[in-house]
């Protein structure tokens, strides 16, 4: 489909099909596997089990999983090693670690490598259910956020203005083709601090943008701060709120 400049693509909303979440339990104790399978199947999850880290990774190669419950102390490949492999290859999979020998160092290491939570065995089944539910809700929120950004990217790509979106930390999360051309940067910079990107811009353009971004996002609540300036042949507007900052770059002011 070919769109004229400024024309927006039709937005077709397709609700996600409701399917049971896929949960993989990894433990070298068959009694634990059987018990957790019974508990979690009763919650409506599609439960698979693996008795070793290697078996778990082989299963993941065949079929992705939404969440994993992994025992730390296993022979051959322990839970932390499984966690590192999973986060390297399937980063959106939520991982909860179980251990009978909790230490501060192991807990810190688990969180450092991306574990969603770290529970002491034997864990209360009701508590485990709550942690799993929250982990899956977090995963869904992140998926919805990525879908929203993808949809927003498609929309703003058709706009005649340059559009730049920063999150509340000043990270570059969205950049349309017009903004890429006007700023001289590309989409590979997404996920980086916009402050770092600014340092590489021409001095005259950086001089125009810095004052607009110096105060950061607006304070709290529904506050919205707006500002506008012109320079380097551009008219630049900002809209800032607690969630982040929107920059609109208008090259129509160029001489």
Protein backbone atom coordinates (compact mmCIF):
# COMPACT_ATOMS: atom_id res chain seq x y z
CA UNK A 1 0.00 0.00 0.00
CA UNK A 2 1.42 3.40 -1.06
CA UNK A 3 0.59 6.35 1.21
CA UNK A 4 0.84 10.03 0.39
CA UNK A 5 2.97 12.20 2.68
CA UNK A 6 1.13 12.81 5.90
CA UNK A 7 -1.46 10.11 5.20
CA UNK A 8 -1.91 7.65 8.05
CA UNK A 9 -2.20 3.90 7.47
CA UNK A 10 -5.45 2.22 8.48
CA UNK A 11 -5.23 0.81 11.99
CA UNK A 12 -6.62 -2.70 12.27
CA UNK A 13 -7.02 -3.93 15.81
CA UNK A 14 -6.79 -7.69 16.21
CA UNK A 15 -7.33 -8.82 19.80
CA UNK A 16 -4.82 -11.41 20.96
CA UNK A 17 -6.13 -14.93 21.19
CA UNK A 18 -6.47 -16.07 24.78
CA UNK A 19 -4.20 -19.08 25.17
CA UNK A 20 -2.92 -20.73 28.35
CA UNK A 21 0.48 -19.45 29.42
CA UNK A 22 3.30 -21.93 28.83
CA UNK A 23 5.23 -22.74 32.01
CA UNK A 24 8.32 -24.94 32.13
CA UNK A 25 9.37 -26.45 35.48
CA UNK A 26 13.01 -27.58 35.73
CA UNK A 27 14.14 -29.70 38.68
CA UNK A 28 16.12 -32.92 39.09
CA UNK A 29 13.72 -34.15 41.79
CA UNK A 30 10.83 -36.08 40.17
CA UNK A 31 8.60 -35.51 43.20
CA UNK A 32 9.00 -31.72 42.89
CA UNK A 33 8.26 -31.91 39.16
CA UNK A 34 5.10 -33.93 39.73
CA UNK A 35 3.92 -31.68 42.54
CA UNK A 36 4.46 -28.42 40.67
CA UNK A 37 2.90 -29.82 37.50
CA UNK A 38 -0.26 -30.68 39.46
CA UNK A 39 -0.39 -27.28 41.20
CA UNK A 40 0.24 -25.20 38.08
CA UNK A 41 -1.93 -27.27 35.73
CA UNK A 42 -4.74 -26.63 38.20
CA UNK A 43 -4.27 -22.90 37.53
CA UNK A 44 -4.89 -23.42 33.82
CA UNK A 45 -1.26 -23.18 32.67
CA UNK A 46 0.17 -25.40 29.97
CA UNK A 47 2.90 -27.08 31.99
CA UNK A 48 5.98 -28.87 30.71
CA UNK A 49 8.74 -30.37 32.86
CA UNK A 50 12.45 -31.06 32.47
CA UNK A 51 14.75 -32.95 34.84
CA UNK A 52 17.95 -31.15 33.82
CA UNK A 53 19.17 -27.87 32.40
CA UNK A 54 20.17 -29.50 29.12
CA UNK A 55 16.72 -31.06 28.71
CA UNK A 56 15.13 -27.68 29.43
CA UNK A 57 17.20 -25.92 26.74
CA UNK A 58 16.40 -28.65 24.21
CA UNK A 59 12.70 -28.22 24.95
CA UNK A 60 13.02 -24.42 24.53
CA UNK A 61 14.62 -24.97 21.12
CA UNK A 62 11.51 -26.89 20.06
CA UNK A 63 8.92 -24.65 21.71
CA UNK A 64 9.16 -21.28 23.42
CA UNK A 65 7.98 -20.84 27.00
CA UNK A 66 6.40 -17.84 28.68
CA UNK A 67 7.81 -18.58 32.13
CA UNK A 68 10.23 -21.02 33.76
CA UNK A 69 10.51 -22.22 37.36
CA UNK A 70 14.08 -23.51 37.77
CA UNK A 71 15.84 -25.18 40.68
CA UNK A 72 19.31 -23.74 41.27
CA UNK A 73 21.05 -26.90 42.55
CA UNK A 74 21.14 -29.41 39.71
CA UNK A 75 23.95 -31.60 38.41
CA UNK A 76 25.67 -30.92 35.08
CA UNK A 77 24.06 -27.49 34.58
CA UNK A 78 22.80 -25.51 37.58
CA UNK A 79 19.93 -23.07 37.63
CA UNK A 80 22.10 -19.97 37.23
CA UNK A 81 23.69 -21.43 34.10
CA UNK A 82 20.24 -22.21 32.73
CA UNK A 83 19.19 -18.64 33.51
CA UNK A 84 22.17 -17.18 31.61
CA UNK A 85 21.46 -19.35 28.55
CA UNK A 86 17.77 -18.49 28.59
CA UNK A 87 18.30 -14.73 28.91
CA UNK A 88 20.89 -14.80 26.12
CA UNK A 89 18.63 -16.63 23.64
CA UNK A 90 15.06 -16.07 24.86
CA UNK A 91 15.25 -12.75 26.76
CA UNK A 92 11.48 -12.29 27.10
CA UNK A 93 11.04 -15.59 28.99
CA UNK A 94 10.37 -14.95 32.68
CA UNK A 95 12.59 -17.03 34.97
CA UNK A 96 11.90 -17.77 38.66
CA UNK A 97 14.64 -19.57 40.56
CA UNK A 98 14.08 -21.98 43.48
CA UNK A 99 16.70 -22.92 46.04
CA UNK A 100 16.91 -24.76 49.33
CA UNK A 101 20.16 -22.96 50.22
CA UNK A 102 19.48 -19.25 49.95
CA UNK A 103 22.38 -16.82 50.35
CA UNK A 104 22.60 -13.10 49.75
CA UNK A 105 25.28 -13.56 47.09
CA UNK A 106 23.30 -16.13 45.11
CA UNK A 107 20.17 -13.97 45.27
CA UNK A 108 22.07 -10.91 44.03
CA UNK A 109 23.67 -12.96 41.25
CA UNK A 110 20.30 -14.37 40.18
CA UNK A 111 18.71 -10.92 39.91
CA UNK A 112 21.81 -9.57 38.14
CA UNK A 113 21.46 -12.18 35.41
CA UNK A 114 17.78 -11.43 34.90
CA UNK A 115 15.79 -13.69 37.23
CA UNK A 116 12.34 -12.29 37.91
CA UNK A 117 12.33 -13.69 41.47
CA UNK A 118 14.25 -15.98 43.77
CA UNK A 119 12.29 -18.23 46.14
CA UNK A 120 13.30 -20.51 49.00
CA UNK A 121 12.30 -24.19 48.86
CA UNK A 122 9.99 -25.60 49.92
CA UNK A 123 7.93 -22.65 48.78
CA UNK A 124 4.30 -22.08 49.64
CA UNK A 125 2.22 -23.08 46.57
CA UNK A 126 -0.06 -20.07 46.99
CA UNK A 127 2.92 -17.72 47.11
CA UNK A 128 4.42 -19.36 44.03
CA UNK A 129 1.12 -18.92 42.17
CA UNK A 130 1.12 -15.21 43.01
CA UNK A 131 4.75 -14.76 41.88
CA UNK A 132 4.05 -16.60 38.61
CA UNK A 133 0.94 -14.52 37.96
CA UNK A 134 2.85 -11.29 38.54
CA UNK A 135 5.71 -12.47 36.34
CA UNK A 136 3.32 -13.24 33.49
CA UNK A 137 1.57 -9.90 33.95
CA UNK A 138 4.95 -8.15 33.69
CA UNK A 139 5.71 -10.06 30.48
CA UNK A 140 2.34 -9.09 28.99
CA UNK A 141 2.85 -5.43 29.92
CA UNK A 142 6.24 -5.43 28.19
CA UNK A 143 4.76 -7.13 25.10
CA UNK A 144 1.92 -4.60 24.96
CA UNK A 145 4.45 -1.77 25.28
CA UNK A 146 6.50 -3.13 22.37
CA UNK A 147 3.37 -3.53 20.23
CA UNK A 148 2.35 0.04 21.06
CA UNK A 149 5.78 1.33 20.02
CA UNK A 150 5.63 -0.68 16.78
CA UNK A 151 2.20 0.75 15.96
CA UNK A 152 3.30 4.25 16.90
CA UNK A 153 6.40 3.87 14.71
CA UNK A 154 4.23 2.95 11.72
CA UNK A 155 2.02 5.99 12.29
CA UNK A 156 4.76 8.57 12.83
CA UNK A 157 6.75 7.23 9.87
CA UNK A 158 4.07 8.74 7.64
CA UNK A 159 4.16 12.20 9.23
CA UNK A 160 5.85 15.16 7.50
CA UNK A 161 7.34 16.30 10.83
CA UNK A 162 10.37 14.83 12.53
CA UNK A 163 9.26 12.91 15.64
CA UNK A 164 11.55 11.96 18.54
CA UNK A 165 10.28 10.24 21.70
CA UNK A 166 12.31 9.89 24.91
CA UNK A 167 11.28 7.96 27.99
CA UNK A 168 11.43 9.42 31.50
CA UNK A 169 15.10 8.46 31.77
CA UNK A 170 16.00 10.29 28.59
CA UNK A 171 16.40 7.10 26.55
CA UNK A 172 15.64 7.34 22.84
CA UNK A 173 12.66 5.03 22.22
CA UNK A 174 11.25 6.26 18.90
CA UNK A 175 12.62 8.09 15.87
CA UNK A 176 10.85 8.54 12.55
CA UNK A 177 12.58 8.81 9.12
CA UNK A 178 12.21 12.60 8.94
CA UNK A 179 13.88 13.00 12.34
CA UNK A 180 16.65 10.60 11.30
CA UNK A 181 17.39 12.80 8.28
CA UNK A 182 17.19 16.12 10.15
CA UNK A 183 19.35 14.97 13.07
CA UNK A 184 21.69 12.81 11.04
CA UNK A 185 21.17 9.74 13.21
CA UNK A 186 19.48 6.40 12.54
CA UNK A 187 17.35 3.82 14.27
CA UNK A 188 20.39 1.94 15.54
CA UNK A 189 20.58 4.55 18.30
CA UNK A 190 17.26 3.47 19.83
CA UNK A 191 17.75 2.39 23.43
CA UNK A 192 20.64 4.79 23.95
CA UNK A 193 20.68 7.92 26.08
CA UNK A 194 19.64 10.92 23.99
CA UNK A 195 22.31 12.88 25.86
CA UNK A 196 24.92 10.63 24.23
CA UNK A 197 23.29 11.13 20.82
CA UNK A 198 23.28 14.91 21.34
CA UNK A 199 27.04 14.95 21.89
CA UNK A 200 27.52 13.71 18.33
CA UNK A 201 25.23 16.28 16.67
CA UNK A 202 26.57 19.42 14.97
CA UNK A 203 27.33 22.16 17.52
CA UNK A 204 24.65 24.56 16.24
CA UNK A 205 21.92 21.89 16.43
CA UNK A 206 23.06 20.72 19.88
CA UNK A 207 22.96 24.34 21.06
CA UNK A 208 19.30 24.57 20.02
CA UNK A 209 18.23 21.25 21.56
CA UNK A 210 20.06 21.33 24.90
CA UNK A 211 17.98 24.15 26.49
CA UNK A 212 14.76 22.35 25.53
CA UNK A 213 15.85 19.13 27.24
CA UNK A 214 17.74 20.57 30.20
CA UNK A 215 14.80 20.35 32.62
CA UNK A 216 13.88 16.78 31.70
CA UNK A 217 10.31 15.41 31.93
CA UNK A 218 7.65 17.38 33.80
CA UNK A 219 7.34 16.70 37.50
CA UNK A 220 4.36 14.67 38.63
CA UNK A 221 0.77 13.78 37.93
CA UNK A 222 -0.72 14.88 34.62
CA UNK A 223 1.53 17.96 34.30
CA UNK A 224 2.43 18.84 30.73
CA UNK A 225 5.19 21.28 29.88
CA UNK A 226 5.53 22.74 26.39
CA UNK A 227 8.28 24.80 24.79
CA UNK A 228 9.26 25.93 21.32
CA UNK A 229 12.31 27.38 19.67
CA UNK A 230 13.84 27.87 16.23
CA UNK A 231 17.36 27.48 15.02
CA UNK A 232 19.52 25.74 12.47
CA UNK A 233 16.67 26.22 10.00
CA UNK A 234 14.28 24.19 12.17
CA UNK A 235 11.24 24.95 14.28
CA UNK A 236 11.41 22.63 17.29
CA UNK A 237 8.58 21.94 19.76
CA UNK A 238 8.73 19.81 22.87
CA UNK A 239 5.93 18.25 24.92
CA UNK A 240 7.10 16.92 28.27
CA UNK A 241 5.22 14.92 30.92
CA UNK A 242 6.22 12.54 33.74
CA UNK A 243 6.39 9.65 31.26
CA UNK A 244 8.90 11.31 28.94
CA UNK A 245 9.41 13.89 26.22
CA UNK A 246 8.16 14.33 22.66
CA UNK A 247 10.13 16.46 20.18
CA UNK A 248 8.58 17.69 16.91
CA UNK A 249 11.02 18.94 14.28
CA UNK A 250 9.51 21.11 11.51
CA UNK A 251 11.74 21.76 8.52
CA UNK A 252 9.10 23.89 6.78
CA UNK A 253 10.77 26.87 8.43
CA UNK A 254 13.96 26.23 6.46
CA UNK A 255 14.90 29.06 4.07
